[in-house]
Structures are given as C-alpha cells and as structure tokens.
C-alpha atoms as a PDB file:
ATOM      1  CA  MET A   1     -52.621 -37.037  -1.938  1.00  0.00           C
ATOM      2  CA  LYS A   2     -49.041 -37.680  -3.038  1.00  0.00           C
ATOM      3  CA  ALA A   3     -47.941 -41.283  -3.233  1.00  0.00           C
ATOM      4  CA  LYS A   4     -45.044 -42.208  -1.004  1.00  0.00           C
ATOM      5  CA  ARG A   5     -41.821 -43.061  -2.794  1.00  0.00           C
ATOM      6  CA  LYS A   6     -40.870 -46.678  -2.325  1.00  0.00           C
ATOM      7  CA  LEU A   7     -37.415 -47.023  -0.847  1.00  0.00           C
ATOM      8  CA  HIS A   8     -35.186 -49.704  -2.225  1.00  0.00           C
ATOM      9  CA  LEU A   9     -32.665 -51.616  -0.144  1.00  0.00           C
ATOM     10  CA  GLY A  10     -29.802 -49.673  -1.697  1.00  0.00           C
ATOM     11  CA  ASP A  11     -31.412 -46.339  -0.754  1.00  0.00           C
ATOM     12  CA  ILE A  12     -31.940 -47.467   2.846  1.00  0.00           C
ATOM     13  CA  CYS A  13     -28.341 -48.657   3.152  1.00  0.00           C
ATOM     14  CA  PHE A  14     -27.052 -45.405   1.694  1.00  0.00           C
ATOM     15  CA  GLU A  15     -29.088 -43.279   4.121  1.00  0.00           C
ATOM     16  CA  ILE A  16     -27.909 -45.381   7.079  1.00  0.00           C
ATOM     17  CA  PHE A  17     -24.306 -45.026   5.932  1.00  0.00           C
ATOM     18  CA  LEU A  18     -24.761 -41.277   5.460  1.00  0.00           C
ATOM     19  CA  VAL A  19     -26.181 -40.817   8.966  1.00  0.00           C
ATOM     20  CA  LEU A  20     -23.402 -42.893  10.526  1.00  0.00           C
ATOM     21  CA  PHE A  21     -20.767 -40.996   8.595  1.00  0.00           C
ATOM     22  CA  ILE A  22     -22.129 -37.632   9.760  1.00  0.00           C
ATOM     23  CA  LEU A  23     -22.304 -38.822  13.376  1.00  0.00           C
ATOM     24  CA  ILE A  24     -18.711 -40.070  13.242  1.00  0.00           C
ATOM     25  CA  PHE A  25     -17.578 -36.822  11.645  1.00  0.00           C
ATOM     26  CA  VAL A  26     -19.311 -34.753  14.349  1.00  0.00           C
ATOM     27  CA  PHE A  27     -17.776 -36.924  17.065  1.00  0.00           C
ATOM     28  CA  VAL A  28     -14.250 -36.610  15.633  1.00  0.00           C
ATOM     29  CA  THR A  29     -14.706 -32.838  15.330  1.00  0.00           C
ATOM     30  CA  LEU A  30     -16.091 -32.216  18.823  1.00  0.00           C
ATOM     31  CA  TYR A  31     -14.085 -34.749  20.822  1.00  0.00           C
ATOM     32  CA  PRO A  32     -10.862 -32.657  21.093  1.00  0.00           C
ATOM     33  CA  LEU A  33     -12.850 -29.673  22.350  1.00  0.00           C
ATOM     34  CA  ILE A  34     -14.859 -31.728  24.860  1.00  0.00           C
ATOM     35  CA  ASN A  35     -11.734 -33.537  26.038  1.00  0.00           C
ATOM     36  CA  THR A  36      -9.820 -30.275  26.503  1.00  0.00           C
ATOM     37  CA  LEU A  37     -12.740 -28.794  28.424  1.00  0.00           C
ATOM     38  CA  ALA A  38     -12.904 -31.866  30.693  1.00  0.00           C
ATOM     39  CA  ILE A  39      -9.148 -31.749  31.355  1.00  0.00           C
ATOM     40  CA  SER A  40      -9.310 -28.045  32.195  1.00  0.00           C
ATOM     41  CA  PHE A  41     -11.847 -28.743  34.961  1.00  0.00           C
ATOM     42  CA  ASN A  42     -10.058 -31.811  36.318  1.00  0.00           C
ATOM     43  CA  ASP A  43      -7.334 -32.300  38.919  1.00  0.00           C
ATOM     44  CA  GLY A  44      -3.931 -32.243  37.268  1.00  0.00           C
ATOM     45  CA  PHE A  45      -2.685 -35.475  38.855  1.00  0.00           C
ATOM     46  CA  ASP A  46      -5.624 -37.386  37.439  1.00  0.00           C
ATOM     47  CA  THR A  47      -4.980 -35.810  34.043  1.00  0.00           C
ATOM     48  CA  VAL A  48      -1.524 -37.359  33.545  1.00  0.00           C
ATOM     49  CA  THR A  49      -3.060 -40.834  33.794  1.00  0.00           C
ATOM     50  CA  HIS A  50      -4.917 -40.133  30.527  1.00  0.00           C
ATOM     51  CA  ARG A  51      -8.214 -41.305  31.974  1.00  0.00           C
ATOM     52  CA  ILE A  52     -10.124 -38.126  31.142  1.00  0.00           C
ATOM     53  CA  HIS A  53     -12.313 -38.315  28.058  1.00  0.00           C
ATOM     54  CA  PHE A  54     -15.699 -36.549  28.212  1.00  0.00           C
ATOM     55  CA  ILE A  55     -16.304 -35.530  31.831  1.00  0.00           C
ATOM     56  CA  PRO A  56     -13.937 -34.615  34.692  1.00  0.00           C
ATOM     57  CA  HIS A  57     -13.275 -37.308  37.310  1.00  0.00           C
ATOM     58  CA  GLN A  58     -12.214 -34.856  40.025  1.00  0.00           C
ATOM     59  CA  PHE A  59     -13.882 -31.538  39.281  1.00  0.00           C
ATOM     60  CA  THR A  60     -11.937 -28.396  40.166  1.00  0.00           C
ATOM     61  CA  THR A  61     -11.580 -24.821  39.006  1.00  0.00           C
ATOM     62  CA  ASP A  62      -8.031 -24.453  40.337  1.00  0.00           C
ATOM     63  CA  ASN A  63      -6.577 -24.708  36.840  1.00  0.00           C
ATOM     64  CA  TYR A  64      -8.445 -21.572  35.779  1.00  0.00           C
ATOM     65  CA  ARG A  65      -7.634 -19.803  39.025  1.00  0.00           C
ATOM     66  CA  ALA A  66      -3.949 -20.565  38.444  1.00  0.00           C
ATOM     67  CA  VAL A  67      -4.165 -19.044  34.974  1.00  0.00           C
ATOM     68  CA  PHE A  68      -6.047 -15.930  36.090  1.00  0.00           C
ATOM     69  CA  ALA A  69      -3.770 -15.445  39.105  1.00  0.00           C
ATOM     70  CA  LYS A  70      -0.988 -14.229  36.814  1.00  0.00           C
ATOM     71  CA  GLU A  71      -0.142 -10.633  37.724  1.00  0.00           C
ATOM     72  CA  GLY A  72      -0.242  -9.264  34.186  1.00  0.00           C
ATOM     73  CA  TYR A  73      -3.330 -11.177  33.158  1.00  0.00           C
ATOM     74  CA  ARG A  74      -5.735  -8.272  33.678  1.00  0.00           C
ATOM     75  CA  TRP A  75      -3.605  -5.901  31.626  1.00  0.00           C
ATOM     76  CA  GLY A  76      -3.276  -8.596  28.994  1.00  0.00           C
ATOM     77  CA  ALA A  77      -7.024  -9.156  28.789  1.00  0.00           C
ATOM     78  CA  VAL A  78      -7.730  -5.423  28.494  1.00  0.00           C
ATOM     79  CA  ASN A  79      -5.074  -4.864  25.830  1.00  0.00           C
ATOM     80  CA  THR A  80      -6.177  -7.906  23.858  1.00  0.00           C
ATOM     81  CA  VAL A  81      -9.793  -6.765  23.783  1.00  0.00           C
ATOM     82  CA  LEU A  82      -8.747  -3.229  22.814  1.00  0.00           C
ATOM     83  CA  ARG A  83      -6.404  -4.367  20.049  1.00  0.00           C
ATOM     84  CA  THR A  84      -9.002  -6.769  18.705  1.00  0.00           C
ATOM     85  CA  VAL A  85     -11.793  -4.191  18.574  1.00  0.00           C
ATOM     86  CA  LEU A  86      -9.724  -1.206  17.412  1.00  0.00           C
ATOM     87  CA  GLY A  87      -7.519  -3.265  15.099  1.00  0.00           C
ATOM     88  CA  THR A  88     -10.502  -4.886  13.408  1.00  0.00           C
ATOM     89  CA  LEU A  89     -12.413  -1.624  12.890  1.00  0.00           C
ATOM     90  CA  ILE A  90      -9.414   0.355  11.638  1.00  0.00           C
ATOM     91  CA  SER A  91      -8.200  -2.424   9.353  1.00  0.00           C
ATOM     92  CA  LEU A  92     -11.671  -2.932   7.897  1.00  0.00           C
ATOM     93  CA  VAL A  93     -12.146   0.784   7.158  1.00  0.00           C
ATOM     94  CA  VAL A  94      -8.682   1.262   5.653  1.00  0.00           C
ATOM     95  CA  ASN A  95      -8.819  -1.845   3.452  1.00  0.00           C
ATOM     96  CA  ALA A  96     -12.362  -1.081   2.333  1.00  0.00           C
ATOM     97  CA  VAL A  97     -11.418   2.452   1.241  1.00  0.00           C
ATOM     98  CA  LEU A  98      -8.314   1.207  -0.603  1.00  0.00           C
ATOM     99  CA  ALA A  99     -10.332  -1.538  -2.288  1.00  0.00           C
ATOM    100  CA  PHE A 100     -12.970   0.963  -3.389  1.00  0.00           C
ATOM    101  CA  VAL A 101     -10.351   3.246  -4.931  1.00  0.00           C
ATOM    102  CA  ILE A 102      -8.574   0.454  -6.795  1.00  0.00           C
ATOM    103  CA  SER A 103     -11.836  -1.121  -7.976  1.00  0.00           C
ATOM    104  CA  ARG A 104     -12.877   2.065  -9.814  1.00  0.00           C
ATOM    105  CA  LYS A 105     -12.269   1.667 -13.544  1.00  0.00           C
ATOM    106  CA  ARG A 106     -11.614   5.383 -13.959  1.00  0.00           C
ATOM    107  CA  PHE A 107      -8.706   5.284 -11.510  1.00  0.00           C
ATOM    108  CA  LEU A 108      -5.590   5.950 -13.585  1.00  0.00           C
ATOM    109  CA  PHE A 109      -3.109   3.874 -11.552  1.00  0.00           C
ATOM    110  CA  LYS A 110      -5.430   0.937 -10.924  1.00  0.00           C
ATOM    111  CA  LYS A 111      -3.165  -1.774 -12.392  1.00  0.00           C
ATOM    112  CA  SER A 112       0.046  -0.308 -10.983  1.00  0.00           C
ATOM    113  CA  PHE A 113      -1.325  -0.111  -7.450  1.00  0.00           C
ATOM    114  CA  SER A 114      -2.776  -3.613  -7.668  1.00  0.00           C
ATOM    115  CA  LEU A 115       0.607  -4.981  -8.738  1.00  0.00           C
ATOM    116  CA  PHE A 116       2.273  -3.084  -5.893  1.00  0.00           C
ATOM    117  CA  TRP A 117      -0.010  -4.668  -3.292  1.00  0.00           C
ATOM    118  CA  VAL A 118       0.520  -8.134  -4.779  1.00  0.00           C
ATOM    119  CA  ILE A 119       4.318  -7.735  -4.551  1.00  0.00           C
ATOM    120  CA  THR A 120       4.065  -6.923  -0.837  1.00  0.00           C
ATOM    121  CA  MET A 121       2.446 -10.333  -0.292  1.00  0.00           C
ATOM    122  CA  TYR A 122       5.632 -12.095  -1.444  1.00  0.00           C
ATOM    123  CA  VAL A 123       8.426  -9.702  -0.434  1.00  0.00           C
ATOM    124  CA  ASN A 124       9.226  -9.004   3.204  1.00  0.00           C
ATOM    125  CA  GLY A 125      11.959  -6.827   4.704  1.00  0.00           C
ATOM    126  CA  GLY A 126      12.796  -9.346   7.418  1.00  0.00           C
ATOM    127  CA  LEU A 127      12.557  -9.286  11.187  1.00  0.00           C
ATOM    128  CA  ILE A 128      15.569  -7.091  12.016  1.00  0.00           C
ATOM    129  CA  PRO A 129      14.871  -4.347   9.418  1.00  0.00           C
ATOM    130  CA  THR A 130      11.237  -4.321  10.523  1.00  0.00           C
ATOM    131  CA  PHE A 131      12.259  -3.898  14.151  1.00  0.00           C
ATOM    132  CA  ILE A 132      14.577  -1.021  13.240  1.00  0.00           C
ATOM    133  CA  VAL A 133      11.843   0.712  11.245  1.00  0.00           C
ATOM    134  CA  TYR A 134       9.368   0.354  14.115  1.00  0.00           C
ATOM    135  CA  GLN A 135      11.980   1.692  16.502  1.00  0.00           C
ATOM    136  CA  LYS A 136      12.658   4.744  14.313  1.00  0.00           C
ATOM    137  CA  LEU A 137       8.903   5.375  14.098  1.00  0.00           C
ATOM    138  CA  HIS A 138       8.633   5.144  17.923  1.00  0.00           C
ATOM    139  CA  LEU A 139       6.284   2.170  17.694  1.00  0.00           C
ATOM    140  CA  THR A 140       8.289   0.030  20.100  1.00  0.00           C
ATOM    141  CA  ASN A 141       7.063   0.177  23.696  1.00  0.00           C
ATOM    142  CA  ASN A 142       3.865   1.594  22.258  1.00  0.00           C
ATOM    143  CA  PHE A 143       0.341   0.190  22.074  1.00  0.00           C
ATOM    144  CA  LEU A 144       0.026   1.442  18.487  1.00  0.00           C
ATOM    145  CA  VAL A 145       2.396  -1.294  17.321  1.00  0.00           C
ATOM    146  CA  TYR A 146      -0.592  -3.627  17.625  1.00  0.00           C
ATOM    147  CA  ILE A 147      -2.774  -1.442  15.399  1.00  0.00           C
ATOM    148  CA  ILE A 148      -0.843   0.512  12.757  1.00  0.00           C
ATOM    149  CA  PRO A 149       1.348  -2.194  11.114  1.00  0.00           C
ATOM    150  CA  GLY A 150      -1.620  -4.480  10.549  1.00  0.00           C
ATOM    151  CA  ALA A 151      -4.015  -1.769   9.387  1.00  0.00           C
ATOM    152  CA  VAL A 152      -3.287  -2.482   5.719  1.00  0.00           C
ATOM    153  CA  SER A 153      -3.361  -6.036   4.395  1.00  0.00           C
ATOM    154  CA  ALA A 154      -2.852  -6.748   0.704  1.00  0.00           C
ATOM    155  CA  PHE A 155      -4.789 -10.012   0.892  1.00  0.00           C
ATOM    156  CA  ASN A 156      -7.784  -8.503   2.685  1.00  0.00           C
ATOM    157  CA  MET A 157      -7.823  -5.502   0.383  1.00  0.00           C
ATOM    158  CA  LEU A 158      -7.756  -7.671  -2.745  1.00  0.00           C
ATOM    159  CA  VAL A 159     -10.573  -9.858  -1.441  1.00  0.00           C
ATOM    160  CA  ILE A 160     -12.748  -6.781  -0.867  1.00  0.00           C
ATOM    161  CA  ARG A 161     -11.769  -5.383  -4.279  1.00  0.00           C
ATOM    162  CA  ASN A 162     -12.804  -8.592  -6.051  1.00  0.00           C
ATOM    163  CA  PHE A 163     -16.146  -8.455  -4.288  1.00  0.00           C
ATOM    164  CA  MET A 164     -16.676  -4.815  -5.286  1.00  0.00           C
ATOM    165  CA  ASN A 165     -15.818  -5.626  -8.895  1.00  0.00           C
ATOM    166  CA  GLY A 166     -18.864  -7.897  -8.949  1.00  0.00           C
ATOM    167  CA  ILE A 167     -21.256  -5.080  -8.070  1.00  0.00           C
ATOM    168  CA  PRO A 168     -23.090  -3.769 -11.191  1.00  0.00           C
ATOM    169  CA  GLU A 169     -21.711  -0.488 -12.483  1.00  0.00           C
ATOM    170  CA  SER A 170     -25.238   0.728 -13.213  1.00  0.00           C
ATOM    171  CA  LEU A 171     -25.744   1.387  -9.503  1.00  0.00           C
ATOM    172  CA  GLU A 172     -22.803   3.771  -9.397  1.00  0.00           C
ATOM    173  CA  GLU A 173     -23.783   5.440 -12.665  1.00  0.00           C
ATOM    174  CA  SER A 174     -27.327   6.017 -11.427  1.00  0.00           C
ATOM    175  CA  ALA A 175     -26.002   7.582  -8.228  1.00  0.00           C
ATOM    176  CA  GLN A 176     -23.662   9.865 -10.190  1.00  0.00           C
ATOM    177  CA  ILE A 177     -26.552  11.014 -12.349  1.00  0.00           C
ATOM    178  CA  ASP A 178     -28.388  11.977  -9.173  1.00  0.00           C
ATOM    179  CA  GLY A 179     -25.385  14.036  -8.106  1.00  0.00           C
ATOM    180  CA  ALA A 180     -23.772  11.647  -5.608  1.00  0.00           C
ATOM    181  CA  GLY A 181     -20.028  11.899  -5.083  1.00  0.00           C
ATOM    182  CA  TYR A 182     -17.602   9.042  -4.521  1.00  0.00           C
ATOM    183  CA  PHE A 183     -17.881   9.229  -0.729  1.00  0.00           C
ATOM    184  CA  LYS A 184     -21.670   9.050  -0.939  1.00  0.00           C
ATOM    185  CA  ILE A 185     -21.460   6.138  -3.368  1.00  0.00           C
ATOM    186  CA  PHE A 186     -19.039   4.270  -1.144  1.00  0.00           C
ATOM    187  CA  TYR A 187     -20.973   4.873   2.077  1.00  0.00           C
ATOM    188  CA  SER A 188     -24.575   4.522   0.858  1.00  0.00           C
ATOM    189  CA  ILE A 189     -24.377   2.099  -2.081  1.00  0.00           C
ATOM    190  CA  ILE A 190     -21.204   0.012  -2.127  1.00  0.00           C
ATOM    191  CA  SER A 191     -20.722  -0.616   1.618  1.00  0.00           C
ATOM    192  CA  PRO A 192     -24.263  -1.940   2.303  1.00  0.00           C
ATOM    193  CA  LEU A 193     -23.800  -4.459  -0.518  1.00  0.00           C
ATOM    194  CA  CYS A 194     -20.405  -5.505   0.850  1.00  0.00           C
ATOM    195  CA  LYS A 195     -21.621  -6.666   4.275  1.00  0.00           C
ATOM    196  CA  PRO A 196     -20.783 -10.342   3.550  1.00  0.00           C
ATOM    197  CA  VAL A 197     -17.163  -9.653   2.609  1.00  0.00           C
ATOM    198  CA  TYR A 198     -16.811  -7.079   5.390  1.00  0.00           C
ATOM    199  CA  ALA A 199     -17.919  -9.693   7.925  1.00  0.00           C
ATOM    200  CA  THR A 200     -15.479 -12.189   6.440  1.00  0.00           C
ATOM    201  CA  ILE A 201     -12.522  -9.812   6.656  1.00  0.00           C
ATOM    202  CA  ALA A 202     -13.566  -8.690  10.138  1.00  0.00           C
ATOM    203  CA  LEU A 203     -13.479 -12.302  11.290  1.00  0.00           C
ATOM    204  CA  PHE A 204     -10.038 -12.831   9.744  1.00  0.00           C
ATOM    205  CA  VAL A 205      -8.607  -9.723  11.404  1.00  0.00           C
ATOM    206  CA  ALA A 206     -10.285 -10.350  14.766  1.00  0.00           C
ATOM    207  CA  VAL A 207      -8.906 -13.891  14.978  1.00  0.00           C
ATOM    208  CA  TYR A 208      -5.435 -12.649  14.054  1.00  0.00           C
ATOM    209  CA  GLN A 209      -5.520  -9.833  16.612  1.00  0.00           C
ATOM    210  CA  TRP A 210      -6.898 -12.046  19.367  1.00  0.00           C
ATOM    211  CA  ASN A 211      -4.288 -14.790  18.871  1.00  0.00           C
ATOM    212  CA  SER A 212      -1.250 -12.523  18.381  1.00  0.00           C
ATOM    213  CA  TRP A 213       1.489 -12.595  21.005  1.00  0.00           C
ATOM    214  CA  PHE A 214       4.783 -12.457  19.120  1.00  0.00           C
ATOM    215  CA  ASP A 215       4.593  -8.697  18.560  1.00  0.00           C
ATOM    216  CA  ALA A 216       4.045  -8.158  22.291  1.00  0.00           C
ATOM    217  CA  MET A 217       7.112 -10.234  23.107  1.00  0.00           C
ATOM    218  CA  LEU A 218       9.216  -8.525  20.438  1.00  0.00           C
ATOM    219  CA  TYR A 219       8.246  -4.865  20.791  1.00  0.00           C
ATOM    220  CA  ASN A 220       6.640  -4.399  24.236  1.00  0.00           C
ATOM    221  CA  LYS A 221       8.356  -6.989  26.381  1.00  0.00           C
ATOM    222  CA  MET A 222       9.741  -4.450  28.849  1.00  0.00           C
ATOM    223  CA  HIS A 223       6.357  -2.915  29.692  1.00  0.00           C
ATOM    224  CA  ASP A 224       3.963  -5.123  31.663  1.00  0.00           C
ATOM    225  CA  GLU A 225       1.073  -2.719  31.102  1.00  0.00           C
ATOM    226  CA  LEU A 226       1.370  -3.299  27.330  1.00  0.00           C
ATOM    227  CA  THR A 227       1.224  -7.075  27.488  1.00  0.00           C
ATOM    228  CA  VAL A 228      -1.496  -9.110  25.782  1.00  0.00           C
ATOM    229  CA  LEU A 229      -3.509 -12.108  26.848  1.00  0.00           C
ATOM    230  CA  GLN A 230      -1.854 -14.663  24.577  1.00  0.00           C
ATOM    231  CA  TYR A 231       1.629 -13.622  25.687  1.00  0.00           C
ATOM    232  CA  GLU A 232       0.646 -13.947  29.345  1.00  0.00           C
ATOM    233  CA  LEU A 233      -0.851 -17.378  28.732  1.00  0.00           C
ATOM    234  CA  MET A 234       2.307 -18.445  26.918  1.00  0.00           C
ATOM    235  CA  LYS A 235       4.481 -17.288  29.831  1.00  0.00           C
ATOM    236  CA  GLN A 236       2.155 -19.002  32.292  1.00  0.00           C
ATOM    237  CA  LEU A 237       2.467 -22.265  30.400  1.00  0.00           C
ATOM    238  CA  GLN A 238       6.263 -22.005  30.229  1.00  0.00           C
ATOM    239  CA  THR A 239       6.453 -21.334  33.960  1.00  0.00           C
ATOM    240  CA  ALA A 240       4.238 -24.294  34.741  1.00  0.00           C
ATOM    241  CA  MET A 241       6.272 -26.583  32.479  1.00  0.00           C
ATOM    242  CA  LYS A 242       9.539 -25.532  34.140  1.00  0.00           C
ATOM    243  CA  SER A 243       8.251 -25.730  37.717  1.00  0.00           C
ATOM    244  CA  ALA A 244       5.919 -28.690  37.634  1.00  0.00           C
ATOM    245  CA  GLY A 245       6.926 -32.335  37.371  1.00  0.00           C
ATOM    246  CA  SER A 246       5.217 -34.563  34.883  1.00  0.00           C
ATOM    247  CA  VAL A 247       3.337 -36.427  37.626  1.00  0.00           C
ATOM    248  CA  GLU A 248       3.691 -34.559  40.929  1.00  0.00           C
ATOM    249  CA  GLY A 249       2.844 -31.158  39.534  1.00  0.00           C
ATOM    250  CA  LEU A 250       2.307 -28.061  41.661  1.00  0.00           C
ATOM    251  CA  LYS A 251      -0.099 -27.704  44.530  1.00  0.00           C
ATOM    252  CA  TYR A 252      -2.529 -24.864  43.992  1.00  0.00           C
ATOM    253  CA  GLY A 253      -5.485 -24.484  46.298  1.00  0.00           C
ATOM    254  CA  GLY A 254      -6.721 -27.953  47.050  1.00  0.00           C
ATOM    255  CA  SER A 255      -5.708 -29.488  43.741  1.00  0.00           C
ATOM    256  CA  THR A 256      -2.645 -30.453  41.744  1.00  0.00           C
ATOM    257  CA  ILE A 257      -1.956 -28.554  38.545  1.00  0.00           C
ATOM    258  CA  THR A 258       0.277 -29.880  35.784  1.00  0.00           C
ATOM    259  CA  PRO A 259       1.440 -28.478  32.435  1.00  0.00           C
ATOM    260  CA  THR A 260      -1.315 -30.473  30.729  1.00  0.00           C
ATOM    261  CA  SER A 261      -4.086 -29.052  32.905  1.00  0.00           C
ATOM    262  CA  ILE A 262      -2.706 -25.509  32.601  1.00  0.00           C
ATOM    263  CA  ARG A 263      -2.474 -25.906  28.838  1.00  0.00           C
ATOM    264  CA  ALA A 264      -6.079 -27.080  28.653  1.00  0.00           C
ATOM    265  CA  ALA A 265      -7.369 -24.168  30.763  1.00  0.00           C
ATOM    266  CA  ALA A 266      -5.351 -21.661  28.725  1.00  0.00           C
ATOM    267  CA  THR A 267      -6.662 -23.149  25.476  1.00  0.00           C
ATOM    268  CA  ILE A 268     -10.279 -22.830  26.588  1.00  0.00           C
ATOM    269  CA  CYS A 269      -9.727 -19.214  27.675  1.00  0.00           C
ATOM    270  CA  THR A 270      -8.189 -18.465  24.292  1.00  0.00           C
ATOM    271  CA  MET A 271     -10.804 -20.030  22.061  1.00  0.00           C
ATOM    272  CA  LEU A 272     -14.061 -19.123  23.830  1.00  0.00           C
ATOM    273  CA  PRO A 273     -14.403 -15.536  22.478  1.00  0.00           C
ATOM    274  CA  ILE A 274     -13.936 -16.710  18.896  1.00  0.00           C
ATOM    275  CA  LEU A 275     -16.435 -19.529  19.412  1.00  0.00           C
ATOM    276  CA  PHE A 276     -18.999 -17.001  20.611  1.00  0.00           C
ATOM    277  CA  ILE A 277     -18.389 -14.573  17.728  1.00  0.00           C
ATOM    278  CA  TYR A 278     -18.211 -17.028  14.824  1.00  0.00           C
ATOM    279  CA  PRO A 279     -21.863 -18.241  14.824  1.00  0.00           C
ATOM    280  CA  PHE A 280     -23.087 -14.665  14.295  1.00  0.00           C
ATOM    281  CA  LEU A 281     -20.767 -14.167  11.313  1.00  0.00           C
ATOM    282  CA  GLN A 282     -21.002 -17.626   9.778  1.00  0.00           C
ATOM    283  CA  ARG A 283     -23.567 -16.820   7.079  1.00  0.00           C
ATOM    284  CA  TYR A 284     -21.627 -13.725   6.029  1.00  0.00           C
ATOM    285  CA  PHE A 285     -18.382 -15.701   6.190  1.00  0.00           C
ATOM    286  CA  VAL A 286     -19.548 -18.362   3.703  1.00  0.00           C
ATOM    287  CA  THR A 287     -21.185 -15.829   1.362  1.00  0.00           C
ATOM    288  CA  GLY A 288     -18.155 -13.570   1.369  1.00  0.00           C
ATOM    289  CA  LEU A 289     -15.777 -16.363   0.419  1.00  0.00           C
ATOM    290  CA  THR A 290     -17.920 -17.705  -2.418  1.00  0.00           C
ATOM    291  CA  ILE A 291     -19.192 -14.505  -4.044  1.00  0.00           C
ATOM    292  CA  GLY A 292     -15.926 -12.619  -3.621  1.00  0.00           C
ATOM    293  CA  GLY A 293     -14.034 -15.207  -5.652  1.00  0.00           C
ATOM    294  CA  VAL A 294     -16.456 -15.417  -8.599  1.00  0.00           C
ATOM    295  CA  LYS A 295     -16.354 -12.957 -11.444  1.00  0.00           C
ATOM    296  CA  GLU A 296     -18.555 -13.179 -14.501  1.00  0.00           C
END
C-alpha cells in the first residue's frame, strides 16, 4: 500500500490559491456571457438601470421577437448558413490542394509560389479597385461574392503547407512504389493525417463567414434576398438606436425594448452557432495550431 504524501503548509496554501485563481478566472470569463444572456431575456426599461447581473428581473422574449421580426431576417439567416457551409468547404478544398502542391519538394516553382502568396498577405489593391474588379467580374449583386473572393487565403494555405511538411516523406515514397499517383496520395494518405489542421482552418473560415457583413453592405446592398444575418442584425441595432430613447425605449408586445436589450439579443443570436460548433473541433483546433507550427 502506497504511503500518503505529507502535505506541508506551503503546499496547502498553494493549492488553495490555485483553486481560487481558477474560480476567479472562470467567473471573469463567463460573466459577460451570462450577463448578456440575462439582459437579452429582460425588459428593456429594467436593463437601463444596470440592475441585471446573472438572472433576468422581468423575463420576456420580446427582445428576440423584435430581432426576428425584421423582414429580411429569414433571407439573411438562409444566406448566412449557405455562405458558411459552402464557403468553408470550398475554401478548405482549394487551400488544401494548393498547400499539397507547394509542399512537394519536386515542384519546380515551390519557392516562387510561396513568396507570391506571402506578398499577397501584405499588399492589397484597396477598396475601390477591388470593387471595380468585382464589378467587372459580375460578382456584385451576386451570391458568389461571398464565396469566390475568400476561397483562397495565403495564411490558411501556408498553415496547411507547414503541417504537410511535417509528414514523413517515406509515406509518399511507399505509395509511389505501389503505383499511387499524386491524387491518390493526397486523398488517401496526406488528407487523413491532416484532419487536425483541416479542422483548425475550417473553424477559422466558418467564424469569418458567419460574422461577415461588410461585403453584403458593399456589394449586395440593393438586393434584399442577398442579405446576410449579420448585416440584418446591424441594421436592426441601428434602427433601434435611432428610434428608441435611452430610458423610454420602444414598446413591443408587452415589454419595452431598448438599444441595450436589442444589442444583447442580437449578440446571443450571433454567437450561439459558433459556441455549439467549437466544442466538437476544440481538440483538433489545439493540435493543429501546435503541430502545424513545429518543424524538426
């Protein structure tokens, strides 16, 4: 039977301090989310008194009903889901293929292409030239403006390439001896080993696509059926801030809504999908960031 280790006073004090520190850290991290959730389910008039902390004082769902009552909200939700799913899949496939090509040591223009992608991370044509290019390519007033421009990302491609460079070359050589071509090597050998970095990049792209609204305002503003969720929420918040007083607010249903309550409800609607997705990708997310940046 193992003898129990005798704890000294210093060890006990350290463990108590460590537990208290973790509890305080968890509280500081979760409090803004809990407070925002409580405000979103509370009457707007009671919100401006700053008495809401953890639970609503006057429970109501009118804040959410006011957000969802926006005419273009349904189109925005559909387009946001579509652009997130399609944009993530297309971007992941395109960047993975480019990374595989550039990571091959036999590729003649490996260094030149890598330098080209790095330059694009620091040099930008500007907003007006970009708008003109999109207009000439008939991407304005088009759903594809959400997908095609963001399909290739130099940063995402380089992260995947660094991860692929860490895969032993013997695996590829063995496959080539057995008669496998590059497509077979990429699909059957490289891609299964790249699941961690794929999940990491997919999370990056999905968050970007879900939170994007500026491109909708800039390129598809004149078409309500091409709007996105974040743009509709932004317009809803602006309308509420212009129409509602800081205390009186607007009457909606049986409750009073204010810019603060609308902002809280919109924030919860925006962040919930990402909160649901992230736990499933967390282990891949951490592994992808650590292994992809280490090269022996």
